[in-house]
Amino acid sequence: MGIFKRDPWIIDVFRTYSGEFHLYVRGRALQDQPLKLYEHQTIYQTLRNTWRTFQTDEIRRIPVVLTLPNGEQYKSVTDSEGYFLFDIDTKHDLQNLADEEGYLPITISFDENNPASHSTGSGRVAKAKSQQRISLNKFTGETLVPPTTTAYGIISDIDDTIMKTGVTSFLKLRVAFNTFFRNYDRRIPFKNAANFYQLLHRGASGKDQNPMFYLSNSPWNLYRYLEKFVDFHGFPKGPILLRDFPTPWDRTPKRERPHKEHELINILKHYPDQKFILIGDAGEHDTTYYTNAATLYPERIKAIYIRAVNHRKKEAAIKEMADAFKVCPVLLVKESREAIEHAREMGWIV
């Protein structure tokens, strides 16, 4: 009796951030064909790819191994949804292993020496468990280890901050349409946003490597899609920090803070000597998250830029909040050129 052909085991390594002696790396183990995203896809191809990102067959409770360029290895285990996290101290200074831009190349593989690696934990392949063999492939990725010489970092929202999304649209219908039917090359970035971010990335000298961080409430399922958008439209490369949508049976304790605020504070804690510029939009809660962070770390936030949205009440509330906030400048801008002019006046860009 034959066994049906199974999809290969793969590891999706997300671009994250780390410190001099600390690894902070996320990813997900799946049983699936590698997702192929490319330009000029048809609507059907885009819809099919988007559906595939959500119709996943995760590999649960499986050991994975991270290997550094110097051969040093660390182990972790995937959770009930196939996600894994390396949040550990290292023996060596990771900056010595990173490239000129501050990116450290890493490889992650399944631990073929662990018996648990020979079971997928998925009901759809239960008949084949006894003959499942571990994939010996090494999956590459990178984590940002910012140089200590950088003048500041930039933390930015994605939806309706750099990419027109429609978060404030009725029942978020525009968000759903854009996500499922528009390929990354057809999504529209805000005018001059990429130019502004490149100027911040290059800093006052025009040659800096100021680190970029992107935040979004989108699920990790859309990671490759958003990564492609950032690269295709000319934004600086940077970690993209998304969230895991909990399932009804997920018993993971809830965080004290909302996802974006949690990640924002985590970055600030990760780099205690770094100053930051924060960029968001008036459509959601970015202003509240950012001013809370500035209140907690008053000497470390240089400015907060908030992109205006087509919503009078929200804009009025943000403007009132911005005028009353005295810890750092909070600017409500309609176009990127306004933020560029301010940053140039402050001497942060050329």
C-alpha atoms as a PDB file:
ATOM      1  CA  MET A   1       0.000   0.000   0.000  1.00  0.00           C
ATOM      2  CA  GLY A   2       1.577   3.313  -1.110  1.00  0.00           C
ATOM      3  CA  ILE A   3       1.953   6.415   0.980  1.00  0.00           C
ATOM      4  CA  PHE A   4       0.788   9.722  -0.450  1.00  0.00           C
ATOM      5  CA  LYS A   5       3.443  12.281  -1.242  1.00  0.00           C
ATOM      6  CA  ARG A   6       4.034  14.674   1.636  1.00  0.00           C
ATOM      7  CA  ASP A   7       5.162  18.284   1.597  1.00  0.00           C
ATOM      8  CA  PRO A   8       8.732  18.870   2.806  1.00  0.00           C
ATOM      9  CA  TRP A   9       9.636  20.170   6.224  1.00  0.00           C
ATOM     10  CA  ILE A  10      10.733  23.792   6.049  1.00  0.00           C
ATOM     11  CA  ILE A  11      11.789  26.490   8.502  1.00  0.00           C
ATOM     12  CA  ASP A  12      10.724  30.074   7.919  1.00  0.00           C
ATOM     13  CA  VAL A  13      13.367  32.286   9.562  1.00  0.00           C
ATOM     14  CA  PHE A  14      12.117  35.800  10.336  1.00  0.00           C
ATOM     15  CA  ARG A  15      14.501  38.755  10.212  1.00  0.00           C
ATOM     16  CA  THR A  16      14.782  39.882  13.823  1.00  0.00           C
ATOM     17  CA  TYR A  17      17.194  41.820  16.030  1.00  0.00           C
ATOM     18  CA  SER A  18      19.864  40.860  18.545  1.00  0.00           C
ATOM     19  CA  GLY A  19      22.467  42.489  20.785  1.00  0.00           C
ATOM     20  CA  GLU A  20      26.210  42.211  21.252  1.00  0.00           C
ATOM     21  CA  PHE A  21      25.894  39.174  23.520  1.00  0.00           C
ATOM     22  CA  HIS A  22      22.243  38.279  23.069  1.00  0.00           C
ATOM     23  CA  LEU A  23      20.285  36.399  20.405  1.00  0.00           C
ATOM     24  CA  TYR A  24      16.642  37.207  19.768  1.00  0.00           C
ATOM     25  CA  VAL A  25      15.545  35.138  16.764  1.00  0.00           C
ATOM     26  CA  ARG A  26      12.063  34.043  15.703  1.00  0.00           C
ATOM     27  CA  GLY A  27      10.796  31.637  13.075  1.00  0.00           C
ATOM     28  CA  ARG A  28       8.323  28.892  12.299  1.00  0.00           C
ATOM     29  CA  ALA A  29       8.547  25.220  11.333  1.00  0.00           C
ATOM     30  CA  LEU A  30       6.042  24.076   8.705  1.00  0.00           C
ATOM     31  CA  GLN A  31       5.295  21.118   6.493  1.00  0.00           C
ATOM     32  CA  ASP A  32       4.682  22.894   3.225  1.00  0.00           C
ATOM     33  CA  GLN A  33       6.066  23.839  -0.170  1.00  0.00           C
ATOM     34  CA  PRO A  34       8.188  27.018  -0.016  1.00  0.00           C
ATOM     35  CA  LEU A  35       6.066  30.063  -0.831  1.00  0.00           C
ATOM     36  CA  LYS A  36       6.995  31.799  -4.090  1.00  0.00           C
ATOM     37  CA  LEU A  37       6.163  35.491  -4.320  1.00  0.00           C
ATOM     38  CA  TYR A  38       7.101  37.402  -7.451  1.00  0.00           C
ATOM     39  CA  GLU A  39       6.180  40.518  -9.376  1.00  0.00           C
ATOM     40  CA  HIS A  40       3.266  40.812 -11.825  1.00  0.00           C
ATOM     41  CA  GLN A  41       1.217  37.998 -10.309  1.00  0.00           C
ATOM     42  CA  THR A  42      -2.368  37.617 -11.447  1.00  0.00           C
ATOM     43  CA  ILE A  43      -5.179  38.224  -8.949  1.00  0.00           C
ATOM     44  CA  TYR A  44      -5.747  34.466  -8.805  1.00  0.00           C
ATOM     45  CA  GLN A  45      -2.064  33.797  -8.024  1.00  0.00           C
ATOM     46  CA  THR A  46      -2.072  36.470  -5.335  1.00  0.00           C
ATOM     47  CA  LEU A  47      -5.259  35.085  -3.758  1.00  0.00           C
ATOM     48  CA  ARG A  48      -3.872  31.546  -3.851  1.00  0.00           C
ATOM     49  CA  ASN A  49      -0.579  32.582  -2.221  1.00  0.00           C
ATOM     50  CA  THR A  50      -2.346  34.593   0.476  1.00  0.00           C
ATOM     51  CA  TRP A  51      -4.635  31.651   1.225  1.00  0.00           C
ATOM     52  CA  ARG A  52      -1.616  29.357   1.508  1.00  0.00           C
ATOM     53  CA  THR A  53       0.003  31.620   4.100  1.00  0.00           C
ATOM     54  CA  PHE A  54      -2.990  31.063   6.395  1.00  0.00           C
ATOM     55  CA  GLN A  55      -3.666  27.395   5.549  1.00  0.00           C
ATOM     56  CA  THR A  56      -0.567  26.082   7.319  1.00  0.00           C
ATOM     57  CA  ASP A  57       0.478  22.675   8.579  1.00  0.00           C
ATOM     58  CA  GLU A  58       2.739  23.559  11.491  1.00  0.00           C
ATOM     59  CA  ILE A  59       5.293  21.207  13.033  1.00  0.00           C
ATOM     60  CA  ARG A  60       4.681  21.232  16.766  1.00  0.00           C
ATOM     61  CA  ARG A  61       7.016  20.557  19.703  1.00  0.00           C
ATOM     62  CA  ILE A  62      10.019  19.937  17.472  1.00  0.00           C
ATOM     63  CA  PRO A  63      13.664  20.719  18.411  1.00  0.00           C
ATOM     64  CA  VAL A  64      15.480  23.194  16.161  1.00  0.00           C
ATOM     65  CA  VAL A  65      19.153  24.194  16.145  1.00  0.00           C
ATOM     66  CA  LEU A  66      20.586  27.648  15.404  1.00  0.00           C
ATOM     67  CA  THR A  67      24.161  27.798  14.146  1.00  0.00           C
ATOM     68  CA  LEU A  68      26.311  30.932  14.126  1.00  0.00           C
ATOM     69  CA  PRO A  69      29.040  31.586  11.508  1.00  0.00           C
ATOM     70  CA  ASN A  70      31.682  30.534  14.063  1.00  0.00           C
ATOM     71  CA  GLY A  71      30.005  27.135  14.552  1.00  0.00           C
ATOM     72  CA  GLU A  72      28.472  27.949  17.922  1.00  0.00           C
ATOM     73  CA  GLN A  73      25.057  26.289  18.307  1.00  0.00           C
ATOM     74  CA  TYR A  74      21.923  26.882  20.356  1.00  0.00           C
ATOM     75  CA  LYS A  75      18.706  24.879  20.660  1.00  0.00           C
ATOM     76  CA  SER A  76      15.029  25.713  20.978  1.00  0.00           C
ATOM     77  CA  VAL A  77      11.683  23.916  20.572  1.00  0.00           C
ATOM     78  CA  THR A  78       8.656  24.937  18.526  1.00  0.00           C
ATOM     79  CA  ASP A  79       5.372  25.642  20.284  1.00  0.00           C
ATOM     80  CA  SER A  80       1.861  24.339  19.527  1.00  0.00           C
ATOM     81  CA  GLU A  81       1.687  26.484  16.370  1.00  0.00           C
ATOM     82  CA  GLY A  82       5.169  25.726  15.080  1.00  0.00           C
ATOM     83  CA  TYR A  83       6.761  28.989  16.228  1.00  0.00           C
ATOM     84  CA  PHE A  84      10.134  29.106  17.960  1.00  0.00           C
ATOM     85  CA  LEU A  85      12.101  31.801  19.756  1.00  0.00           C
ATOM     86  CA  PHE A  86      15.786  32.003  20.623  1.00  0.00           C
ATOM     87  CA  ASP A  87      16.029  34.531  23.451  1.00  0.00           C
ATOM     88  CA  ILE A  88      19.379  33.688  24.989  1.00  0.00           C
ATOM     89  CA  ASP A  89      22.773  35.125  25.947  1.00  0.00           C
ATOM     90  CA  THR A  90      25.802  34.186  23.840  1.00  0.00           C
ATOM     91  CA  LYS A  91      29.429  33.513  24.649  1.00  0.00           C
ATOM     92  CA  HIS A  92      30.878  35.738  21.945  1.00  0.00           C
ATOM     93  CA  ASP A  93      30.334  39.310  20.774  1.00  0.00           C
ATOM     94  CA  LEU A  94      27.929  38.967  17.843  1.00  0.00           C
ATOM     95  CA  GLN A  95      29.056  42.261  16.320  1.00  0.00           C
ATOM     96  CA  ASN A  96      32.325  40.575  15.402  1.00  0.00           C
ATOM     97  CA  LEU A  97      30.357  38.099  13.269  1.00  0.00           C
ATOM     98  CA  ALA A  98      28.041  40.629  11.594  1.00  0.00           C
ATOM     99  CA  ASP A  99      28.541  42.278   8.191  1.00  0.00           C
ATOM    100  CA  GLU A 100      29.075  46.011   7.537  1.00  0.00           C
ATOM    101  CA  GLU A 101      25.346  46.723   7.796  1.00  0.00           C
ATOM    102  CA  GLY A 102      25.146  44.968  11.152  1.00  0.00           C
ATOM    103  CA  TYR A 103      23.435  41.797   9.931  1.00  0.00           C
ATOM    104  CA  LEU A 104      24.505  38.467  11.363  1.00  0.00           C
ATOM    105  CA  PRO A 105      23.949  35.466   9.056  1.00  0.00           C
ATOM    106  CA  ILE A 106      22.494  32.421  10.799  1.00  0.00           C
ATOM    107  CA  THR A 107      21.326  28.948   9.837  1.00  0.00           C
ATOM    108  CA  ILE A 108      18.540  26.998  11.523  1.00  0.00           C
ATOM    109  CA  SER A 109      17.876  23.290  11.065  1.00  0.00           C
ATOM    110  CA  PHE A 110      15.895  20.485  12.611  1.00  0.00           C
ATOM    111  CA  ASP A 111      17.724  18.492  15.278  1.00  0.00           C
ATOM    112  CA  GLU A 112      18.104  15.128  13.552  1.00  0.00           C
ATOM    113  CA  ASN A 113      19.521  13.560  16.734  1.00  0.00           C
ATOM    114  CA  ASN A 114      16.307  14.080  18.699  1.00  0.00           C
ATOM    115  CA  PRO A 115      13.615  11.358  18.380  1.00  0.00           C
ATOM    116  CA  ALA A 116      10.886  14.029  18.439  1.00  0.00           C
ATOM    117  CA  SER A 117      12.186  15.247  15.074  1.00  0.00           C
ATOM    118  CA  HIS A 118      10.717  12.180  13.412  1.00  0.00           C
ATOM    119  CA  SER A 119       7.083  13.097  14.099  1.00  0.00           C
ATOM    120  CA  THR A 120       5.141  15.963  12.552  1.00  0.00           C
ATOM    121  CA  GLY A 121       2.380  16.070  15.136  1.00  0.00           C
ATOM    122  CA  SER A 122      -0.155  16.598  12.349  1.00  0.00           C
ATOM    123  CA  GLY A 123      -3.241  14.465  11.909  1.00  0.00           C
ATOM    124  CA  ARG A 124      -3.095  14.805   8.130  1.00  0.00           C
ATOM    125  CA  VAL A 125       0.095  12.795   7.974  1.00  0.00           C
ATOM    126  CA  ALA A 126      -0.585  10.407  10.825  1.00  0.00           C
ATOM    127  CA  LYS A 127      -0.367   7.356   8.540  1.00  0.00           C
ATOM    128  CA  ALA A 128       3.099   8.378   7.445  1.00  0.00           C
ATOM    129  CA  LYS A 129       4.592   9.222  10.840  1.00  0.00           C
ATOM    130  CA  SER A 130       6.569   6.042  11.133  1.00  0.00           C
ATOM    131  CA  GLN A 131       8.336   6.747   7.861  1.00  0.00           C
ATOM    132  CA  GLN A 132       8.795  10.523   8.296  1.00  0.00           C
ATOM    133  CA  ARG A 133      12.453  11.447   7.960  1.00  0.00           C
ATOM    134  CA  ILE A 134      14.048  14.602   9.218  1.00  0.00           C
ATOM    135  CA  SER A 135      15.035  17.252   6.684  1.00  0.00           C
ATOM    136  CA  LEU A 136      18.785  17.790   6.808  1.00  0.00           C
ATOM    137  CA  ASN A 137      18.505  21.128   4.997  1.00  0.00           C
ATOM    138  CA  LYS A 138      19.808  24.229   6.723  1.00  0.00           C
ATOM    139  CA  PHE A 139      17.566  27.270   6.421  1.00  0.00           C
ATOM    140  CA  THR A 140      19.314  30.605   6.294  1.00  0.00           C
ATOM    141  CA  GLY A 141      18.323  33.898   7.855  1.00  0.00           C
ATOM    142  CA  GLU A 142      19.787  36.972   9.489  1.00  0.00           C
ATOM    143  CA  THR A 143      19.427  39.006  12.645  1.00  0.00           C
ATOM    144  CA  LEU A 144      20.333  42.658  13.110  1.00  0.00           C
ATOM    145  CA  VAL A 145      23.134  43.515  15.538  1.00  0.00           C
ATOM    146  CA  PRO A 146      23.334  47.317  15.277  1.00  0.00           C
ATOM    147  CA  PRO A 147      26.809  48.864  15.461  1.00  0.00           C
ATOM    148  CA  THR A 148      27.412  50.829  18.655  1.00  0.00           C
ATOM    149  CA  THR A 149      28.383  53.861  16.563  1.00  0.00           C
ATOM    150  CA  THR A 150      24.867  54.517  15.204  1.00  0.00           C
ATOM    151  CA  ALA A 151      23.372  57.924  16.049  1.00  0.00           C
ATOM    152  CA  TYR A 152      19.808  56.681  16.528  1.00  0.00           C
ATOM    153  CA  GLY A 153      17.379  53.944  15.540  1.00  0.00           C
ATOM    154  CA  ILE A 154      14.055  54.254  13.713  1.00  0.00           C
ATOM    155  CA  ILE A 155      10.952  52.338  14.775  1.00  0.00           C
ATOM    156  CA  SER A 156       8.040  52.528  12.351  1.00  0.00           C
ATOM    157  CA  ASP A 157       4.550  51.178  11.976  1.00  0.00           C
ATOM    158  CA  ILE A 158       3.683  49.694   8.556  1.00  0.00           C
ATOM    159  CA  ASP A 159      -0.074  49.885   7.934  1.00  0.00           C
ATOM    160  CA  ASP A 160      -1.141  53.391   6.857  1.00  0.00           C
ATOM    161  CA  THR A 161       2.294  54.673   7.852  1.00  0.00           C
ATOM    162  CA  ILE A 162       4.422  53.481   4.930  1.00  0.00           C
ATOM    163  CA  MET A 163       1.821  51.370   3.089  1.00  0.00           C
ATOM    164  CA  LYS A 164      -1.687  52.506   2.211  1.00  0.00           C
ATOM    165  CA  THR A 165      -3.835  49.905   3.945  1.00  0.00           C
ATOM    166  CA  GLY A 166      -7.211  51.354   4.897  1.00  0.00           C
ATOM    167  CA  VAL A 167      -7.203  50.510   8.599  1.00  0.00           C
ATOM    168  CA  THR A 168      -9.817  53.214   9.234  1.00  0.00           C
ATOM    169  CA  SER A 169     -12.135  52.001   6.450  1.00  0.00           C
ATOM    170  CA  PHE A 170     -15.611  50.677   7.262  1.00  0.00           C
ATOM    171  CA  LEU A 171     -15.290  47.236   8.901  1.00  0.00           C
ATOM    172  CA  LYS A 172     -11.700  47.294   7.600  1.00  0.00           C
ATOM    173  CA  LEU A 173     -13.006  46.034   4.250  1.00  0.00           C
ATOM    174  CA  ARG A 174     -10.235  47.812   2.368  1.00  0.00           C
ATOM    175  CA  VAL A 175      -7.652  46.016   4.522  1.00  0.00           C
ATOM    176  CA  ALA A 176      -9.090  42.627   3.541  1.00  0.00           C
ATOM    177  CA  PHE A 177      -9.254  43.526  -0.150  1.00  0.00           C
ATOM    178  CA  ASN A 178      -5.677  44.843  -0.224  1.00  0.00           C
ATOM    179  CA  THR A 179      -4.345  41.820   1.639  1.00  0.00           C
ATOM    180  CA  PHE A 180      -5.996  39.104  -0.442  1.00  0.00           C
ATOM    181  CA  PHE A 181      -6.187  40.624  -3.919  1.00  0.00           C
ATOM    182  CA  ARG A 182      -3.226  42.982  -4.301  1.00  0.00           C
ATOM    183  CA  ASN A 183       0.294  41.696  -4.737  1.00  0.00           C
ATOM    184  CA  TYR A 184       3.136  43.437  -2.893  1.00  0.00           C
ATOM    185  CA  ASP A 185       4.308  45.201  -6.093  1.00  0.00           C
ATOM    186  CA  ARG A 186       0.832  46.704  -6.569  1.00  0.00           C
ATOM    187  CA  ARG A 187       0.475  48.007  -3.040  1.00  0.00           C
ATOM    188  CA  ILE A 188       0.923  51.756  -2.833  1.00  0.00           C
ATOM    189  CA  PRO A 189       3.492  53.316  -0.486  1.00  0.00           C
ATOM    190  CA  PHE A 190       3.011  56.862   0.739  1.00  0.00           C
ATOM    191  CA  LYS A 191       4.713  59.515  -1.371  1.00  0.00           C
ATOM    192  CA  ASN A 192       8.362  60.150  -0.392  1.00  0.00           C
ATOM    193  CA  ALA A 193       8.092  57.740   2.553  1.00  0.00           C
ATOM    194  CA  ALA A 194      10.908  55.497   1.264  1.00  0.00           C
ATOM    195  CA  ASN A 195      13.085  58.551   0.619  1.00  0.00           C
ATOM    196  CA  PHE A 196      12.466  59.820   4.170  1.00  0.00           C
ATOM    197  CA  TYR A 197      13.367  56.455   5.673  1.00  0.00           C
ATOM    198  CA  GLN A 198      16.520  56.153   3.586  1.00  0.00           C
ATOM    199  CA  LEU A 199      17.578  59.622   4.738  1.00  0.00           C
ATOM    200  CA  LEU A 200      17.043  58.606   8.372  1.00  0.00           C
ATOM    201  CA  HIS A 201      18.872  55.332   7.789  1.00  0.00           C
ATOM    202  CA  ARG A 202      21.898  57.176   6.345  1.00  0.00           C
ATOM    203  CA  GLY A 203      21.772  59.843   9.050  1.00  0.00           C
ATOM    204  CA  ALA A 204      23.555  63.181   9.352  1.00  0.00           C
ATOM    205  CA  SER A 205      26.689  62.001   7.567  1.00  0.00           C
ATOM    206  CA  GLY A 206      24.809  60.427   4.680  1.00  0.00           C
ATOM    207  CA  LYS A 207      26.813  57.247   5.308  1.00  0.00           C
ATOM    208  CA  ASP A 208      25.448  56.012   8.634  1.00  0.00           C
ATOM    209  CA  GLN A 209      23.777  52.655   9.175  1.00  0.00           C
ATOM    210  CA  ASN A 210      21.063  53.705  11.603  1.00  0.00           C
ATOM    211  CA  PRO A 211      18.954  50.604  12.320  1.00  0.00           C
ATOM    212  CA  MET A 212      15.357  50.284  11.103  1.00  0.00           C
ATOM    213  CA  PHE A 213      12.601  48.363  12.878  1.00  0.00           C
ATOM    214  CA  TYR A 214       9.101  47.777  11.482  1.00  0.00           C
ATOM    215  CA  LEU A 215       6.034  47.020  13.632  1.00  0.00           C
ATOM    216  CA  SER A 216       2.616  45.766  12.543  1.00  0.00           C
ATOM    217  CA  ASN A 217      -0.465  44.121  13.994  1.00  0.00           C
ATOM    218  CA  SER A 218      -0.510  41.805  10.975  1.00  0.00           C
ATOM    219  CA  PRO A 219      -0.011  38.085  11.669  1.00  0.00           C
ATOM    220  CA  TRP A 220       3.312  36.341  11.070  1.00  0.00           C
ATOM    221  CA  ASN A 221       1.593  34.585   8.144  1.00  0.00           C
ATOM    222  CA  LEU A 222       2.106  37.794   6.131  1.00  0.00           C
ATOM    223  CA  TYR A 223       5.796  38.155   6.962  1.00  0.00           C
ATOM    224  CA  ARG A 224       7.159  37.295   3.479  1.00  0.00           C
ATOM    225  CA  TYR A 225       4.552  39.506   1.819  1.00  0.00           C
ATOM    226  CA  LEU A 226       5.524  42.541   3.932  1.00  0.00           C
ATOM    227  CA  GLU A 227       9.222  41.805   3.558  1.00  0.00           C
ATOM    228  CA  LYS A 228       8.771  41.853  -0.219  1.00  0.00           C
ATOM    229  CA  PHE A 229       6.856  45.140  -0.014  1.00  0.00           C
ATOM    230  CA  VAL A 230       9.611  46.824   2.015  1.00  0.00           C
ATOM    231  CA  ASP A 231      12.349  45.638  -0.350  1.00  0.00           C
ATOM    232  CA  PHE A 232      10.459  46.266  -3.612  1.00  0.00           C
ATOM    233  CA  HIS A 233       9.492  49.852  -2.759  1.00  0.00           C
ATOM    234  CA  GLY A 234      12.971  50.895  -1.636  1.00  0.00           C
ATOM    235  CA  PHE A 235      12.598  51.110   2.137  1.00  0.00           C
ATOM    236  CA  PRO A 236      15.684  50.329   4.256  1.00  0.00           C
ATOM    237  CA  LYS A 237      16.028  46.722   5.310  1.00  0.00           C
ATOM    238  CA  GLY A 238      15.072  46.012   8.892  1.00  0.00           C
ATOM    239  CA  PRO A 239      13.466  43.510  11.269  1.00  0.00           C
ATOM    240  CA  ILE A 240       9.699  43.135  10.733  1.00  0.00           C
ATOM    241  CA  LEU A 241       7.885  42.364  13.970  1.00  0.00           C
ATOM    242  CA  LEU A 242       4.423  40.866  13.590  1.00  0.00           C
ATOM    243  CA  ARG A 243       2.158  38.897  15.931  1.00  0.00           C
ATOM    244  CA  ASP A 244       0.716  35.441  16.345  1.00  0.00           C
ATOM    245  CA  PHE A 245      -3.076  35.267  16.165  1.00  0.00           C
ATOM    246  CA  PRO A 246      -4.097  33.086  19.145  1.00  0.00           C
ATOM    247  CA  THR A 247      -6.326  30.085  18.592  1.00  0.00           C
ATOM    248  CA  PRO A 248      -9.350  29.373  20.832  1.00  0.00           C
ATOM    249  CA  TRP A 249      -7.392  26.647  22.657  1.00  0.00           C
ATOM    250  CA  ASP A 250      -4.238  28.730  23.109  1.00  0.00           C
ATOM    251  CA  ARG A 251      -3.414  28.952  26.814  1.00  0.00           C
ATOM    252  CA  THR A 252      -0.425  31.261  26.449  1.00  0.00           C
ATOM    253  CA  PRO A 253      -0.672  34.005  29.109  1.00  0.00           C
ATOM    254  CA  LYS A 254      -1.740  37.369  27.710  1.00  0.00           C
ATOM    255  CA  ARG A 255       0.848  40.130  27.634  1.00  0.00           C
ATOM    256  CA  GLU A 256       0.484  43.172  29.835  1.00  0.00           C
ATOM    257  CA  ARG A 257       0.768  45.470  26.813  1.00  0.00           C
ATOM    258  CA  PRO A 258      -0.714  45.317  23.287  1.00  0.00           C
ATOM    259  CA  HIS A 259       1.537  43.723  20.675  1.00  0.00           C
ATOM    260  CA  LYS A 260       3.044  46.847  19.096  1.00  0.00           C
ATOM    261  CA  GLU A 261       3.643  48.544  22.425  1.00  0.00           C
ATOM    262  CA  HIS A 262       5.205  45.350  23.781  1.00  0.00           C
ATOM    263  CA  GLU A 263       7.624  45.098  20.846  1.00  0.00           C
ATOM    264  CA  LEU A 264       8.428  48.820  21.066  1.00  0.00           C
ATOM    265  CA  ILE A 265       9.360  48.590  24.751  1.00  0.00           C
ATOM    266  CA  ASN A 266      11.303  45.384  24.118  1.00  0.00           C
ATOM    267  CA  ILE A 267      13.468  47.143  21.503  1.00  0.00           C
ATOM    268  CA  LEU A 268      14.119  50.044  23.879  1.00  0.00           C
ATOM    269  CA  LYS A 269      15.147  47.621  26.627  1.00  0.00           C
ATOM    270  CA  HIS A 270      17.303  45.657  24.195  1.00  0.00           C
ATOM    271  CA  TYR A 271      19.383  48.723  23.304  1.00  0.00           C
ATOM    272  CA  PRO A 272      19.567  50.790  26.526  1.00  0.00           C
ATOM    273  CA  ASP A 273      22.115  53.261  25.138  1.00  0.00           C
ATOM    274  CA  GLN A 274      20.360  53.916  21.812  1.00  0.00           C
ATOM    275  CA  LYS A 275      18.099  56.865  21.007  1.00  0.00           C
ATOM    276  CA  PHE A 276      15.142  56.474  18.655  1.00  0.00           C
ATOM    277  CA  ILE A 277      12.811  58.251  16.263  1.00  0.00           C
ATOM    278  CA  LEU A 278       9.277  56.801  16.257  1.00  0.00           C
ATOM    279  CA  ILE A 279       6.948  56.924  13.237  1.00  0.00           C
ATOM    280  CA  GLY A 280       3.285  55.907  13.111  1.00  0.00           C
ATOM    281  CA  ASP A 281      -0.150  57.019  11.981  1.00  0.00           C
ATOM    282  CA  ALA A 282      -3.263  58.556  13.503  1.00  0.00           C
ATOM    283  CA  GLY A 283      -5.498  55.661  12.489  1.00  0.00           C
ATOM    284  CA  GLU A 284      -4.864  53.347  15.441  1.00  0.00           C
ATOM    285  CA  HIS A 285      -3.079  53.716  18.797  1.00  0.00           C
ATOM    286  CA  ASP A 286       0.451  54.574  17.686  1.00  0.00           C
ATOM    287  CA  THR A 287       0.472  58.001  19.335  1.00  0.00           C
ATOM    288  CA  THR A 288      -0.534  56.530  22.689  1.00  0.00           C
ATOM    289  CA  TYR A 289       2.066  53.756  22.480  1.00  0.00           C
ATOM    290  CA  TYR A 290       4.808  56.158  21.437  1.00  0.00           C
ATOM    291  CA  THR A 291       4.097  58.839  24.047  1.00  0.00           C
ATOM    292  CA  ASN A 292       3.917  56.136  26.723  1.00  0.00           C
ATOM    293  CA  ALA A 293       7.367  54.932  25.637  1.00  0.00           C
ATOM    294  CA  ALA A 294       8.732  58.487  25.641  1.00  0.00           C
ATOM    295  CA  THR A 295       7.373  58.994  29.155  1.00  0.00           C
ATOM    296  CA  LEU A 296       9.106  55.814  30.331  1.00  0.00           C
ATOM    297  CA  TYR A 297      12.357  56.710  28.538  1.00  0.00           C
ATOM    298  CA  PRO A 298      12.296  60.534  28.357  1.00  0.00           C
ATOM    299  CA  GLU A 299      15.930  60.968  27.315  1.00  0.00           C
ATOM    300  CA  ARG A 300      15.826  58.433  24.501  1.00  0.00           C
ATOM    301  CA  ILE A 301      13.059  59.465  22.121  1.00  0.00           C
ATOM    302  CA  LYS A 302      14.217  62.228  19.778  1.00  0.00           C
ATOM    303  CA  ALA A 303      10.878  62.768  18.022  1.00  0.00           C
ATOM    304  CA  ILE A 304       7.544  61.172  17.165  1.00  0.00           C
ATOM    305  CA  TYR A 305       6.127  61.577  13.656  1.00  0.00           C
ATOM    306  CA  ILE A 306       2.453  60.715  13.178  1.00  0.00           C
ATOM    307  CA  ARG A 307       0.980  60.513   9.691  1.00  0.00           C
ATOM    308  CA  ALA A 308      -2.457  62.114   9.449  1.00  0.00           C
ATOM    309  CA  VAL A 309      -5.400  60.029   8.232  1.00  0.00           C
ATOM    310  CA  ASN A 310      -8.648  61.075   6.627  1.00  0.00           C
ATOM    311  CA  HIS A 311     -10.574  61.102   9.888  1.00  0.00           C
ATOM    312  CA  ARG A 312     -11.323  64.490  11.493  1.00  0.00           C
ATOM    313  CA  LYS A 313     -12.085  63.308  15.022  1.00  0.00           C
ATOM    314  CA  LYS A 314      -8.959  61.162  15.245  1.00  0.00           C
ATOM    315  CA  GLU A 315      -6.760  63.907  13.829  1.00  0.00           C
ATOM    316  CA  ALA A 316      -8.175  66.450  16.257  1.00  0.00           C
ATOM    317  CA  ALA A 317      -7.554  64.110  19.214  1.00  0.00           C
ATOM    318  CA  ILE A 318      -3.972  63.423  18.077  1.00  0.00           C
ATOM    319  CA  LYS A 319      -3.254  67.130  17.599  1.00  0.00           C
ATOM    320  CA  GLU A 320      -4.533  67.910  21.089  1.00  0.00           C
ATOM    321  CA  MET A 321      -2.371  65.130  22.528  1.00  0.00           C
ATOM    322  CA  ALA A 322       0.669  66.291  20.546  1.00  0.00           C
ATOM    323  CA  ASP A 323       0.315  69.921  21.673  1.00  0.00           C
ATOM    324  CA  ALA A 324       0.087  68.874  25.320  1.00  0.00           C
ATOM    325  CA  PHE A 325       3.030  66.458  25.236  1.00  0.00           C
ATOM    326  CA  LYS A 326       6.284  68.077  26.389  1.00  0.00           C
ATOM    327  CA  VAL A 327       8.744  65.177  26.651  1.00  0.00           C
ATOM    328  CA  CYS A 328       9.727  65.269  22.962  1.00  0.00           C
ATOM    329  CA  PRO A 329       8.399  66.759  19.706  1.00  0.00           C
ATOM    330  CA  VAL A 330       5.233  65.071  18.390  1.00  0.00           C
ATOM    331  CA  LEU A 331       4.479  66.131  14.817  1.00  0.00           C
ATOM    332  CA  LEU A 332       1.243  65.356  12.982  1.00  0.00           C
ATOM    333  CA  VAL A 333       2.195  65.390   9.285  1.00  0.00           C
ATOM    334  CA  LYS A 334       0.131  64.995   6.137  1.00  0.00           C
ATOM    335  CA  GLU A 335       3.104  64.336   3.847  1.00  0.00           C
ATOM    336  CA  SER A 336       6.587  62.889   4.288  1.00  0.00           C
ATOM    337  CA  ARG A 337       8.202  66.125   3.099  1.00  0.00           C
ATOM    338  CA  GLU A 338       7.021  67.841   6.315  1.00  0.00           C
ATOM    339  CA  ALA A 339       8.850  65.239   8.403  1.00  0.00           C
ATOM    340  CA  ILE A 340      11.908  65.503   6.131  1.00  0.00           C
ATOM    341  CA  GLU A 341      12.042  69.264   6.625  1.00  0.00           C
ATOM    342  CA  HIS A 342      11.823  68.925  10.412  1.00  0.00           C
ATOM    343  CA  ALA A 343      14.457  66.168  10.594  1.00  0.00           C
ATOM    344  CA  ARG A 344      16.780  68.224   8.408  1.00  0.00           C
ATOM    345  CA  GLU A 345      16.300  71.305  10.593  1.00  0.00           C
ATOM    346  CA  MET A 346      17.198  69.182  13.617  1.00  0.00           C
ATOM    347  CA  GLY A 347      20.394  68.023  11.918  1.00  0.00           C
ATOM    348  CA  TRP A 348      19.426  64.341  11.855  1.00  0.00           C
ATOM    349  CA  ILE A 349      19.614  63.937   8.060  1.00  0.00           C
ATOM    350  CA  VAL A 350      21.459  65.585   5.189  1.00  0.00           C
END
